[in-house]
Amino acid sequence: MTETTRYRVDGMHCAACVARVESALCKLPGVETAAVNLASHEVTLRSSAEQSLPTASDLAAAVATAGYTLIAESPVESNTVSRTEERAQALRQLRARVLVAAGPAIAVLIISMSGLKFPGDRALLALLTLIVLGWSGRSIFQSAASSALHLSPNMDTLVAIGSGTAYLVSLLATFFGSAIPIPLPIMFDAAAMTVFFVLLGRFLEERAKGNTLSA
């Protein structure tokens, strides 16, 4: 007799993430099919007729090798109220990160584009950008680091490399520019706005998913 169960999987953002999670789970003995619903961040597993599904810890370990997190405490139940509350809480946290990033990112953009100069202007830009990348965007860099460790780059990898490189080059130009023989560009605005727009896009996407699921 086949067995079907669902688990929540965190960290997925695109179709490539879905494919990696499904592939990792389908390699386990006993898993006949693994179908991920990106909108609800859930995976539905069906066992083969000859063998039962692996334990939750084994499933979580397989998903971790792909760079994602399977919530292994218990399978997803039919309690739609609790799942709605979880999505609402996650959306509030994402909105907070967007709001915190908005002020510093816009300030960095205005100062950079206007050409405004004042004592310590570059140091201020570095600090404001660090707030955007280090606090609001920390989940992006954590996801990128995890995917790199498991040799499974994802969309966060691209964002982290792009914004992180822009920030580091700008830091070198700000604090060690005179010691470097070639001129380096100041790209604090590119780093800050990249992370801000990615977070804003994810917030709008998650809100739309929530509206679709509750409809």
N, C-alpha and C. Protein backbone atom coordinates (compact mmCIF):
# COMPACT_ATOMS: atom_id res chain seq x y z
N MET A 1 0.85 -1.19 0.00
CA MET A 1 0.00 0.00 0.00
C MET A 1 0.89 1.25 0.00
N THR A 2 0.54 2.19 -0.85
CA THR A 2 1.32 3.42 -0.91
C THR A 2 0.97 4.36 0.24
N GLU A 3 1.92 5.20 0.59
CA GLU A 3 1.76 6.17 1.68
C GLU A 3 2.02 7.56 1.13
N THR A 4 1.20 8.52 1.52
CA THR A 4 1.36 9.90 1.06
C THR A 4 1.43 10.83 2.26
N THR A 5 2.37 11.75 2.23
CA THR A 5 2.49 12.73 3.31
C THR A 5 3.10 14.01 2.76
N ARG A 6 2.96 15.09 3.52
CA ARG A 6 3.47 16.39 3.10
C ARG A 6 4.35 17.00 4.18
N TYR A 7 5.37 17.72 3.73
CA TYR A 7 6.25 18.45 4.64
C TYR A 7 6.47 19.85 4.09
N ARG A 8 6.78 20.76 4.99
CA ARG A 8 7.13 22.12 4.57
C ARG A 8 8.63 22.17 4.27
N VAL A 9 8.98 22.89 3.21
CA VAL A 9 10.39 23.08 2.84
C VAL A 9 10.66 24.57 2.73
N ASP A 10 11.63 25.06 3.46
CA ASP A 10 11.99 26.47 3.45
C ASP A 10 13.21 26.72 2.57
N GLY A 11 13.27 27.93 2.00
CA GLY A 11 14.44 28.34 1.22
C GLY A 11 14.27 28.27 -0.28
N MET A 12 13.11 27.83 -0.76
CA MET A 12 12.89 27.72 -2.21
C MET A 12 12.36 29.04 -2.76
N HIS A 13 12.89 29.44 -3.93
CA HIS A 13 12.47 30.70 -4.53
C HIS A 13 12.14 30.59 -6.02
N CYS A 14 12.51 29.50 -6.67
CA CYS A 14 12.35 29.43 -8.12
C CYS A 14 12.18 27.99 -8.56
N ALA A 15 11.97 27.82 -9.87
CA ALA A 15 11.78 26.48 -10.43
C ALA A 15 13.01 25.60 -10.25
N ALA A 16 14.19 26.21 -10.30
CA ALA A 16 15.42 25.43 -10.10
C ALA A 16 15.47 24.87 -8.68
N CYS A 17 15.00 25.65 -7.72
CA CYS A 17 14.95 25.16 -6.33
C CYS A 17 14.02 23.95 -6.24
N VAL A 18 12.87 24.06 -6.89
CA VAL A 18 11.89 22.96 -6.89
C VAL A 18 12.52 21.70 -7.46
N ALA A 19 13.21 21.83 -8.58
CA ALA A 19 13.81 20.67 -9.23
C ALA A 19 14.86 20.02 -8.34
N ARG A 20 15.66 20.82 -7.64
CA ARG A 20 16.70 20.26 -6.77
C ARG A 20 16.09 19.49 -5.60
N VAL A 21 15.05 20.06 -4.99
CA VAL A 21 14.41 19.38 -3.86
C VAL A 21 13.78 18.08 -4.30
N GLU A 22 13.04 18.11 -5.41
CA GLU A 22 12.40 16.90 -5.90
C GLU A 22 13.43 15.83 -6.26
N SER A 23 14.51 16.25 -6.90
CA SER A 23 15.55 15.30 -7.29
C SER A 23 16.21 14.66 -6.07
N ALA A 24 16.49 15.47 -5.05
CA ALA A 24 17.14 14.94 -3.84
C ALA A 24 16.25 13.94 -3.13
N LEU A 25 14.95 14.21 -3.08
CA LEU A 25 14.03 13.32 -2.38
C LEU A 25 13.76 12.04 -3.16
N CYS A 26 13.68 12.16 -4.47
CA CYS A 26 13.37 10.98 -5.29
C CYS A 26 14.52 9.97 -5.31
N LYS A 27 15.71 10.39 -4.91
CA LYS A 27 16.84 9.47 -4.85
C LYS A 27 16.77 8.55 -3.64
N LEU A 28 15.93 8.89 -2.67
CA LEU A 28 15.84 8.08 -1.46
C LEU A 28 15.04 6.81 -1.71
N PRO A 29 15.46 5.70 -1.15
CA PRO A 29 14.68 4.46 -1.29
C PRO A 29 13.32 4.60 -0.61
N GLY A 30 12.30 4.16 -1.30
CA GLY A 30 10.95 4.24 -0.77
C GLY A 30 10.15 5.41 -1.27
N VAL A 31 10.81 6.41 -1.86
CA VAL A 31 10.11 7.58 -2.39
C VAL A 31 9.79 7.33 -3.86
N GLU A 32 8.51 7.18 -4.14
CA GLU A 32 8.07 6.97 -5.52
C GLU A 32 8.02 8.29 -6.27
N THR A 33 7.37 9.28 -5.66
CA THR A 33 7.29 10.61 -6.28
C THR A 33 7.45 11.68 -5.21
N ALA A 34 7.96 12.83 -5.64
CA ALA A 34 8.07 14.01 -4.77
C ALA A 34 7.62 15.21 -5.59
N ALA A 35 6.53 15.83 -5.17
CA ALA A 35 5.96 16.96 -5.91
C ALA A 35 5.96 18.19 -5.02
N VAL A 36 6.67 19.22 -5.44
CA VAL A 36 6.79 20.45 -4.66
C VAL A 36 5.77 21.48 -5.14
N ASN A 37 5.09 22.10 -4.20
CA ASN A 37 4.21 23.24 -4.48
C ASN A 37 4.95 24.49 -4.03
N LEU A 38 5.46 25.25 -4.99
CA LEU A 38 6.27 26.42 -4.65
C LEU A 38 5.44 27.49 -3.94
N ALA A 39 4.17 27.59 -4.28
CA ALA A 39 3.32 28.61 -3.67
C ALA A 39 3.15 28.40 -2.18
N SER A 40 2.97 27.15 -1.77
CA SER A 40 2.76 26.85 -0.35
C SER A 40 4.04 26.39 0.34
N HIS A 41 5.13 26.24 -0.42
CA HIS A 41 6.42 25.75 0.12
C HIS A 41 6.25 24.38 0.78
N GLU A 42 5.51 23.51 0.12
CA GLU A 42 5.28 22.17 0.64
C GLU A 42 5.66 21.13 -0.41
N VAL A 43 6.08 19.97 0.07
CA VAL A 43 6.39 18.85 -0.82
C VAL A 43 5.49 17.69 -0.43
N THR A 44 4.88 17.08 -1.44
CA THR A 44 4.03 15.91 -1.23
C THR A 44 4.80 14.68 -1.66
N LEU A 45 4.96 13.74 -0.74
CA LEU A 45 5.73 12.52 -0.99
C LEU A 45 4.80 11.32 -1.06
N ARG A 46 5.07 10.45 -2.02
CA ARG A 46 4.31 9.20 -2.11
C ARG A 46 5.30 8.05 -2.13
N SER A 47 5.02 7.06 -1.29
CA SER A 47 5.93 5.92 -1.18
C SER A 47 5.66 4.91 -2.28
N SER A 48 6.62 4.03 -2.50
CA SER A 48 6.42 2.94 -3.43
C SER A 48 5.56 1.87 -2.76
N ALA A 49 5.02 0.97 -3.55
CA ALA A 49 4.15 -0.07 -3.00
C ALA A 49 4.93 -1.07 -2.16
N GLU A 50 6.22 -1.22 -2.44
CA GLU A 50 7.03 -2.23 -1.76
C GLU A 50 7.70 -1.71 -0.49
N GLN A 51 7.82 -0.40 -0.32
CA GLN A 51 8.61 0.14 0.78
C GLN A 51 7.97 1.42 1.30
N SER A 52 8.04 1.62 2.60
CA SER A 52 7.47 2.82 3.21
C SER A 52 8.41 4.00 3.03
N LEU A 53 7.92 5.19 3.32
CA LEU A 53 8.73 6.40 3.19
C LEU A 53 9.85 6.42 4.22
N PRO A 54 10.96 7.08 3.90
CA PRO A 54 12.04 7.23 4.87
C PRO A 54 11.57 8.05 6.07
N THR A 55 12.36 8.03 7.13
CA THR A 55 12.02 8.82 8.31
C THR A 55 12.16 10.31 8.00
N ALA A 56 11.54 11.12 8.84
CA ALA A 56 11.60 12.57 8.64
C ALA A 56 13.03 13.08 8.69
N SER A 57 13.85 12.52 9.56
CA SER A 57 15.24 12.96 9.65
C SER A 57 16.02 12.62 8.38
N ASP A 58 15.73 11.47 7.78
CA ASP A 58 16.38 11.11 6.52
C ASP A 58 15.94 12.04 5.39
N LEU A 59 14.66 12.37 5.38
CA LEU A 59 14.15 13.30 4.37
C LEU A 59 14.80 14.67 4.54
N ALA A 60 14.90 15.12 5.78
CA ALA A 60 15.51 16.43 6.05
C ALA A 60 16.97 16.45 5.63
N ALA A 61 17.68 15.35 5.87
CA ALA A 61 19.09 15.27 5.50
C ALA A 61 19.25 15.33 3.98
N ALA A 62 18.35 14.67 3.26
CA ALA A 62 18.42 14.68 1.80
C ALA A 62 18.17 16.08 1.25
N VAL A 63 17.18 16.76 1.82
CA VAL A 63 16.88 18.12 1.37
C VAL A 63 18.02 19.07 1.73
N ALA A 64 18.66 18.84 2.87
CA ALA A 64 19.78 19.68 3.28
C ALA A 64 20.95 19.58 2.30
N THR A 65 21.15 18.41 1.71
CA THR A 65 22.24 18.26 0.73
C THR A 65 21.99 19.11 -0.51
N ALA A 66 20.73 19.46 -0.75
CA ALA A 66 20.41 20.33 -1.87
C ALA A 66 20.44 21.80 -1.48
N GLY A 67 20.66 22.08 -0.19
CA GLY A 67 20.77 23.46 0.27
C GLY A 67 19.50 24.06 0.81
N TYR A 68 18.52 23.22 1.18
CA TYR A 68 17.23 23.71 1.67
C TYR A 68 16.90 23.06 3.01
N THR A 69 15.80 23.49 3.61
CA THR A 69 15.45 23.01 4.95
C THR A 69 14.06 22.39 4.94
N LEU A 70 13.99 21.11 5.26
CA LEU A 70 12.70 20.44 5.42
C LEU A 70 12.34 20.45 6.90
N ILE A 71 11.16 20.94 7.21
CA ILE A 71 10.70 21.01 8.59
C ILE A 71 10.26 19.61 9.00
N ALA A 72 11.10 18.95 9.79
CA ALA A 72 10.92 17.52 10.04
C ALA A 72 10.18 17.20 11.34
N GLU A 73 9.75 18.23 12.08
CA GLU A 73 9.09 17.94 13.36
C GLU A 73 7.85 17.07 13.16
N SER A 74 7.04 17.45 12.16
CA SER A 74 5.82 16.68 11.90
C SER A 74 5.36 16.97 10.49
N PRO A 75 4.68 16.03 9.85
CA PRO A 75 4.15 16.30 8.52
C PRO A 75 3.12 17.43 8.56
N VAL A 76 2.91 18.06 7.41
CA VAL A 76 1.91 19.11 7.31
C VAL A 76 0.54 18.51 7.52
N GLU A 77 -0.22 19.09 8.43
CA GLU A 77 -1.56 18.60 8.70
C GLU A 77 -2.57 19.43 7.94
N SER A 78 -3.80 19.05 8.07
CA SER A 78 -4.87 19.71 7.33
C SER A 78 -5.37 20.96 8.03
N ASN A 79 -4.66 21.42 9.06
CA ASN A 79 -5.07 22.61 9.79
C ASN A 79 -4.69 23.84 8.99
N THR A 80 -5.60 24.31 8.18
CA THR A 80 -5.31 25.44 7.30
C THR A 80 -5.14 26.72 8.09
N VAL A 81 -5.74 26.81 9.27
CA VAL A 81 -5.62 28.02 10.08
C VAL A 81 -4.17 28.22 10.52
N SER A 82 -3.54 27.15 11.05
CA SER A 82 -2.16 27.27 11.51
C SER A 82 -1.21 27.55 10.36
N ARG A 83 -1.45 26.95 9.22
CA ARG A 83 -0.58 27.21 8.06
C ARG A 83 -0.74 28.64 7.58
N THR A 84 -1.97 29.15 7.62
CA THR A 84 -2.20 30.54 7.25
C THR A 84 -1.48 31.48 8.20
N GLU A 85 -1.49 31.16 9.48
CA GLU A 85 -0.78 31.97 10.47
C GLU A 85 0.73 31.94 10.24
N GLU A 86 1.26 30.77 9.88
CA GLU A 86 2.69 30.66 9.60
C GLU A 86 3.07 31.53 8.40
N ARG A 87 2.25 31.47 7.35
CA ARG A 87 2.54 32.29 6.17
C ARG A 87 2.45 33.77 6.49
N ALA A 88 1.46 34.13 7.32
CA ALA A 88 1.31 35.54 7.70
C ALA A 88 2.51 36.02 8.51
N GLN A 89 3.00 35.17 9.40
CA GLN A 89 4.17 35.53 10.21
C GLN A 89 5.40 35.69 9.33
N ALA A 90 5.60 34.77 8.39
CA ALA A 90 6.74 34.86 7.48
C ALA A 90 6.65 36.12 6.62
N LEU A 91 5.43 36.47 6.21
CA LEU A 91 5.24 37.66 5.40
C LEU A 91 5.54 38.92 6.21
N ARG A 92 5.16 38.93 7.48
CA ARG A 92 5.45 40.09 8.33
C ARG A 92 6.96 40.25 8.53
N GLN A 93 7.65 39.15 8.69
CA GLN A 93 9.11 39.22 8.85
C GLN A 93 9.77 39.74 7.58
N LEU A 94 9.29 39.28 6.43
CA LEU A 94 9.85 39.74 5.17
C LEU A 94 9.55 41.22 4.96
N ARG A 95 8.34 41.64 5.32
CA ARG A 95 7.98 43.06 5.20
C ARG A 95 8.87 43.92 6.08
N ALA A 96 9.18 43.44 7.28
CA ALA A 96 10.07 44.19 8.18
C ALA A 96 11.45 44.36 7.57
N ARG A 97 11.96 43.31 6.94
CA ARG A 97 13.28 43.41 6.30
C ARG A 97 13.25 44.40 5.14
N VAL A 98 12.14 44.41 4.40
CA VAL A 98 12.02 45.36 3.28
C VAL A 98 11.98 46.79 3.80
N LEU A 99 11.19 47.03 4.85
CA LEU A 99 11.06 48.38 5.39
C LEU A 99 12.38 48.88 5.97
N VAL A 100 13.11 48.00 6.65
CA VAL A 100 14.41 48.40 7.21
C VAL A 100 15.39 48.72 6.09
N ALA A 101 15.33 47.97 4.99
CA ALA A 101 16.25 48.20 3.87
C ALA A 101 15.90 49.44 3.06
N ALA A 102 14.62 49.81 3.05
CA ALA A 102 14.17 50.88 2.16
C ALA A 102 14.88 52.20 2.44
N GLY A 103 14.89 52.64 3.70
CA GLY A 103 15.49 53.93 4.03
C GLY A 103 16.96 54.02 3.68
N PRO A 104 17.80 53.12 4.18
CA PRO A 104 19.22 53.17 3.84
C PRO A 104 19.49 53.03 2.35
N ALA A 105 18.76 52.14 1.68
CA ALA A 105 19.01 51.92 0.25
C ALA A 105 18.68 53.17 -0.56
N ILE A 106 17.55 53.79 -0.26
CA ILE A 106 17.17 55.01 -0.99
C ILE A 106 18.13 56.15 -0.68
N ALA A 107 18.56 56.24 0.58
CA ALA A 107 19.53 57.28 0.95
C ALA A 107 20.84 57.10 0.20
N VAL A 108 21.30 55.86 0.11
CA VAL A 108 22.54 55.57 -0.64
C VAL A 108 22.37 55.95 -2.10
N LEU A 109 21.23 55.62 -2.67
CA LEU A 109 20.98 55.94 -4.08
C LEU A 109 20.98 57.45 -4.30
N ILE A 110 20.31 58.20 -3.44
CA ILE A 110 20.22 59.65 -3.61
C ILE A 110 21.59 60.30 -3.48
N ILE A 111 22.33 59.91 -2.46
CA ILE A 111 23.66 60.50 -2.25
C ILE A 111 24.58 60.16 -3.42
N SER A 112 24.53 58.92 -3.88
CA SER A 112 25.41 58.49 -4.97
C SER A 112 25.06 59.15 -6.29
N MET A 113 23.77 59.22 -6.62
CA MET A 113 23.35 59.76 -7.91
C MET A 113 23.45 61.28 -7.96
N SER A 114 23.29 61.94 -6.82
CA SER A 114 23.32 63.40 -6.80
C SER A 114 24.74 63.95 -6.81
N GLY A 115 25.71 63.09 -6.48
CA GLY A 115 27.09 63.56 -6.42
C GLY A 115 27.38 64.40 -5.20
N LEU A 116 26.52 64.30 -4.19
CA LEU A 116 26.69 65.08 -2.96
C LEU A 116 27.97 64.66 -2.25
N LYS A 117 28.79 65.64 -1.89
CA LYS A 117 30.06 65.37 -1.21
C LYS A 117 30.09 66.07 0.14
N PHE A 118 30.54 65.36 1.15
CA PHE A 118 30.71 65.93 2.49
C PHE A 118 31.69 65.04 3.24
N PRO A 119 32.29 65.54 4.31
CA PRO A 119 33.26 64.73 5.06
C PRO A 119 32.66 63.42 5.56
N GLY A 120 33.33 62.33 5.24
CA GLY A 120 32.85 61.02 5.67
C GLY A 120 31.71 60.48 4.84
N ASP A 121 31.50 61.02 3.64
CA ASP A 121 30.36 60.58 2.83
C ASP A 121 30.49 59.11 2.43
N ARG A 122 31.67 58.68 2.06
CA ARG A 122 31.83 57.28 1.64
C ARG A 122 31.69 56.32 2.83
N ALA A 123 32.19 56.73 3.97
CA ALA A 123 32.04 55.89 5.16
C ALA A 123 30.56 55.74 5.52
N LEU A 124 29.80 56.82 5.37
CA LEU A 124 28.36 56.75 5.63
C LEU A 124 27.68 55.82 4.64
N LEU A 125 28.06 55.91 3.37
CA LEU A 125 27.50 55.01 2.35
C LEU A 125 27.81 53.56 2.69
N ALA A 126 29.03 53.32 3.14
CA ALA A 126 29.42 51.95 3.51
C ALA A 126 28.58 51.43 4.66
N LEU A 127 28.33 52.28 5.66
CA LEU A 127 27.53 51.88 6.82
C LEU A 127 26.08 51.62 6.43
N LEU A 128 25.50 52.52 5.65
CA LEU A 128 24.10 52.35 5.23
C LEU A 128 23.94 51.08 4.39
N THR A 129 24.89 50.83 3.51
CA THR A 129 24.82 49.63 2.67
C THR A 129 24.98 48.37 3.51
N LEU A 130 25.82 48.45 4.53
CA LEU A 130 26.01 47.29 5.42
C LEU A 130 24.71 46.93 6.13
N ILE A 131 23.92 47.94 6.49
CA ILE A 131 22.62 47.67 7.12
C ILE A 131 21.73 46.88 6.18
N VAL A 132 21.72 47.29 4.91
CA VAL A 132 20.87 46.61 3.91
C VAL A 132 21.34 45.18 3.70
N LEU A 133 22.64 45.00 3.50
CA LEU A 133 23.16 43.67 3.20
C LEU A 133 23.24 42.79 4.45
N GLY A 134 23.70 43.38 5.55
CA GLY A 134 23.98 42.58 6.74
C GLY A 134 22.76 42.22 7.56
N TRP A 135 21.75 43.09 7.58
CA TRP A 135 20.55 42.78 8.37
C TRP A 135 19.40 42.34 7.47
N SER A 136 18.95 43.24 6.61
CA SER A 136 17.81 42.89 5.76
C SER A 136 18.13 41.74 4.82
N GLY A 137 19.33 41.73 4.28
CA GLY A 137 19.68 40.73 3.28
C GLY A 137 20.44 39.53 3.80
N ARG A 138 20.50 39.37 5.12
CA ARG A 138 21.33 38.28 5.66
C ARG A 138 20.83 36.91 5.23
N SER A 139 19.50 36.76 5.08
CA SER A 139 18.97 35.45 4.66
C SER A 139 19.45 35.09 3.26
N ILE A 140 19.65 36.10 2.41
CA ILE A 140 20.14 35.85 1.06
C ILE A 140 21.56 35.29 1.12
N PHE A 141 22.40 35.89 1.94
CA PHE A 141 23.78 35.45 2.04
C PHE A 141 23.89 34.11 2.76
N GLN A 142 23.01 33.87 3.73
CA GLN A 142 23.00 32.57 4.39
C GLN A 142 22.60 31.47 3.42
N SER A 143 21.59 31.74 2.60
CA SER A 143 21.16 30.77 1.60
C SER A 143 22.26 30.52 0.58
N ALA A 144 22.93 31.60 0.16
CA ALA A 144 24.01 31.46 -0.82
C ALA A 144 25.16 30.63 -0.26
N ALA A 145 25.50 30.86 1.01
CA ALA A 145 26.58 30.10 1.64
C ALA A 145 26.21 28.63 1.76
N SER A 146 24.96 28.36 2.15
CA SER A 146 24.52 26.97 2.27
C SER A 146 24.55 26.26 0.92
N SER A 147 24.06 26.94 -0.11
CA SER A 147 24.05 26.32 -1.44
C SER A 147 25.46 26.10 -1.96
N ALA A 148 26.38 27.00 -1.62
CA ALA A 148 27.77 26.83 -2.05
C ALA A 148 28.41 25.62 -1.37
N LEU A 149 28.11 25.44 -0.08
CA LEU A 149 28.66 24.30 0.65
C LEU A 149 28.18 22.98 0.07
N HIS A 150 26.95 22.98 -0.47
CA HIS A 150 26.39 21.76 -1.03
C HIS A 150 26.54 21.70 -2.56
N LEU A 151 27.32 22.63 -3.11
CA LEU A 151 27.60 22.67 -4.55
C LEU A 151 26.31 22.69 -5.37
N SER A 152 25.33 23.46 -4.90
CA SER A 152 24.07 23.58 -5.63
C SER A 152 23.66 25.05 -5.66
N PRO A 153 24.34 25.87 -6.48
CA PRO A 153 24.04 27.30 -6.52
C PRO A 153 22.60 27.58 -6.91
N ASN A 154 22.05 28.64 -6.31
CA ASN A 154 20.68 29.03 -6.62
C ASN A 154 20.63 30.52 -6.93
N MET A 155 19.43 31.07 -6.97
CA MET A 155 19.29 32.47 -7.31
C MET A 155 19.94 33.37 -6.26
N ASP A 156 19.91 32.95 -5.00
CA ASP A 156 20.55 33.73 -3.95
C ASP A 156 22.06 33.81 -4.17
N THR A 157 22.63 32.79 -4.78
CA THR A 157 24.07 32.80 -5.06
C THR A 157 24.43 33.96 -5.98
N LEU A 158 23.63 34.16 -7.01
CA LEU A 158 23.89 35.26 -7.95
C LEU A 158 23.75 36.61 -7.27
N VAL A 159 22.70 36.76 -6.47
CA VAL A 159 22.47 38.03 -5.77
C VAL A 159 23.61 38.31 -4.79
N ALA A 160 24.01 37.29 -4.05
CA ALA A 160 25.07 37.46 -3.06
C ALA A 160 26.40 37.80 -3.72
N ILE A 161 26.72 37.11 -4.81
CA ILE A 161 27.98 37.39 -5.51
C ILE A 161 27.97 38.81 -6.07
N GLY A 162 26.88 39.19 -6.72
CA GLY A 162 26.80 40.51 -7.33
C GLY A 162 26.87 41.64 -6.31
N SER A 163 25.99 41.58 -5.31
CA SER A 163 25.95 42.66 -4.32
C SER A 163 27.17 42.62 -3.41
N GLY A 164 27.61 41.43 -3.05
CA GLY A 164 28.78 41.31 -2.18
C GLY A 164 30.04 41.82 -2.84
N THR A 165 30.22 41.49 -4.12
CA THR A 165 31.39 41.97 -4.85
C THR A 165 31.38 43.48 -4.98
N ALA A 166 30.21 44.05 -5.31
CA ALA A 166 30.09 45.50 -5.43
C ALA A 166 30.43 46.19 -4.12
N TYR A 167 29.99 45.59 -3.01
CA TYR A 167 30.25 46.19 -1.70
C TYR A 167 31.73 46.10 -1.34
N LEU A 168 32.35 44.95 -1.56
CA LEU A 168 33.76 44.78 -1.22
C LEU A 168 34.66 45.68 -2.06
N VAL A 169 34.37 45.78 -3.35
CA VAL A 169 35.16 46.66 -4.22
C VAL A 169 35.02 48.11 -3.76
N SER A 170 33.81 48.49 -3.38
CA SER A 170 33.58 49.86 -2.91
C SER A 170 34.31 50.12 -1.60
N LEU A 171 34.36 49.11 -0.72
CA LEU A 171 35.11 49.26 0.53
C LEU A 171 36.60 49.46 0.25
N LEU A 172 37.14 48.67 -0.67
CA LEU A 172 38.55 48.82 -1.03
C LEU A 172 38.83 50.21 -1.57
N ALA A 173 37.93 50.69 -2.44
CA ALA A 173 38.12 52.02 -3.01
C ALA A 173 38.00 53.11 -1.96
N THR A 174 37.16 52.89 -0.96
CA THR A 174 36.93 53.89 0.08
C THR A 174 38.08 53.98 1.06
N PHE A 175 38.55 52.85 1.55
CA PHE A 175 39.53 52.85 2.63
C PHE A 175 40.96 52.56 2.19
N PHE A 176 41.13 51.98 1.00
CA PHE A 176 42.49 51.64 0.54
C PHE A 176 42.72 52.11 -0.89
N GLY A 177 41.91 53.05 -1.36
CA GLY A 177 42.01 53.50 -2.74
C GLY A 177 43.37 54.07 -3.10
N SER A 178 43.98 54.80 -2.18
CA SER A 178 45.28 55.42 -2.47
C SER A 178 46.40 54.40 -2.58
N ALA A 179 46.20 53.22 -2.01
CA ALA A 179 47.24 52.19 -2.04
C ALA A 179 47.09 51.25 -3.22
N ILE A 180 46.02 51.40 -3.98
CA ILE A 180 45.76 50.51 -5.11
C ILE A 180 46.10 51.25 -6.40
N PRO A 181 46.94 50.67 -7.25
CA PRO A 181 47.42 51.39 -8.44
C PRO A 181 46.35 51.68 -9.48
N ILE A 182 45.25 50.94 -9.48
CA ILE A 182 44.20 51.17 -10.46
C ILE A 182 42.98 51.76 -9.77
N PRO A 183 42.27 52.67 -10.44
CA PRO A 183 41.08 53.27 -9.81
C PRO A 183 39.95 52.24 -9.71
N LEU A 184 39.30 52.21 -8.56
CA LEU A 184 38.19 51.30 -8.33
C LEU A 184 36.89 52.10 -8.24
N PRO A 185 35.82 51.57 -8.80
CA PRO A 185 34.55 52.29 -8.76
C PRO A 185 33.89 52.20 -7.39
N ILE A 186 33.06 53.18 -7.08
CA ILE A 186 32.24 53.16 -5.87
C ILE A 186 30.85 52.68 -6.27
N MET A 187 30.45 51.53 -5.77
CA MET A 187 29.19 50.91 -6.20
C MET A 187 28.29 50.55 -5.01
N PHE A 188 28.34 51.37 -3.96
CA PHE A 188 27.48 51.09 -2.82
C PHE A 188 26.01 51.10 -3.21
N ASP A 189 25.66 52.01 -4.12
CA ASP A 189 24.25 52.10 -4.53
C ASP A 189 23.81 50.84 -5.26
N ALA A 190 24.67 50.27 -6.08
CA ALA A 190 24.32 49.04 -6.80
C ALA A 190 24.11 47.89 -5.83
N ALA A 191 24.99 47.77 -4.83
CA ALA A 191 24.86 46.69 -3.85
C ALA A 191 23.58 46.83 -3.04
N ALA A 192 23.32 48.04 -2.54
CA ALA A 192 22.15 48.25 -1.69
C ALA A 192 20.85 48.08 -2.46
N MET A 193 20.76 48.65 -3.64
CA MET A 193 19.50 48.60 -4.39
C MET A 193 19.23 47.20 -4.92
N THR A 194 20.28 46.44 -5.25
CA THR A 194 20.08 45.06 -5.70
C THR A 194 19.38 44.24 -4.63
N VAL A 195 19.90 44.29 -3.42
CA VAL A 195 19.31 43.53 -2.32
C VAL A 195 17.92 44.05 -1.99
N PHE A 196 17.75 45.36 -1.98
CA PHE A 196 16.43 45.94 -1.67
C PHE A 196 15.38 45.49 -2.67
N PHE A 197 15.69 45.55 -3.96
CA PHE A 197 14.71 45.16 -4.97
C PHE A 197 14.42 43.66 -4.94
N VAL A 198 15.43 42.85 -4.64
CA VAL A 198 15.19 41.41 -4.52
C VAL A 198 14.23 41.13 -3.36
N LEU A 199 14.47 41.78 -2.22
CA LEU A 199 13.59 41.60 -1.07
C LEU A 199 12.19 42.11 -1.35
N LEU A 200 12.10 43.26 -2.01
CA LEU A 200 10.79 43.81 -2.35
C LEU A 200 10.04 42.88 -3.28
N GLY A 201 10.74 42.34 -4.28
CA GLY A 201 10.11 41.41 -5.20
C GLY A 201 9.61 40.16 -4.50
N ARG A 202 10.40 39.65 -3.56
CA ARG A 202 9.98 38.45 -2.83
C ARG A 202 8.78 38.74 -1.93
N PHE A 203 8.76 39.93 -1.34
CA PHE A 203 7.61 40.30 -0.51
C PHE A 203 6.34 40.35 -1.34
N LEU A 204 6.40 41.00 -2.49
CA LEU A 204 5.23 41.09 -3.36
C LEU A 204 4.81 39.71 -3.86
N GLU A 205 5.80 38.87 -4.16
CA GLU A 205 5.50 37.51 -4.63
C GLU A 205 4.82 36.69 -3.54
N GLU A 206 5.37 36.75 -2.32
CA GLU A 206 4.80 35.97 -1.22
C GLU A 206 3.41 36.47 -0.86
N ARG A 207 3.19 37.77 -0.94
CA ARG A 207 1.86 38.31 -0.66
C ARG A 207 0.86 37.85 -1.71
N ALA A 208 1.29 37.82 -2.97
CA ALA A 208 0.40 37.34 -4.03
C ALA A 208 0.09 35.86 -3.85
N LYS A 209 1.11 35.07 -3.45
CA LYS A 209 0.87 33.64 -3.20
C LYS A 209 -0.13 33.45 -2.08
N GLY A 210 0.00 34.26 -1.02
CA GLY A 210 -0.92 34.15 0.09
C GLY A 210 -2.34 34.47 -0.32
N ASN A 211 -2.50 35.49 -1.15
CA ASN A 211 -3.84 35.84 -1.63
C ASN A 211 -4.42 34.73 -2.49
N THR A 212 -3.56 34.09 -3.29
CA THR A 212 -4.02 33.01 -4.15
C THR A 212 -4.45 31.80 -3.33
N LEU A 213 -3.65 31.45 -2.32
CA LEU A 213 -3.96 30.28 -1.51
C LEU A 213 -5.20 30.48 -0.65
N SER A 214 -5.45 31.73 -0.23
CA SER A 214 -6.61 32.00 0.62
C SER A 214 -7.87 32.25 -0.17
N ALA A 215 -7.74 32.36 -1.50
CA ALA A 215 -8.92 32.64 -2.34
C ALA A 215 -9.82 31.41 -2.43
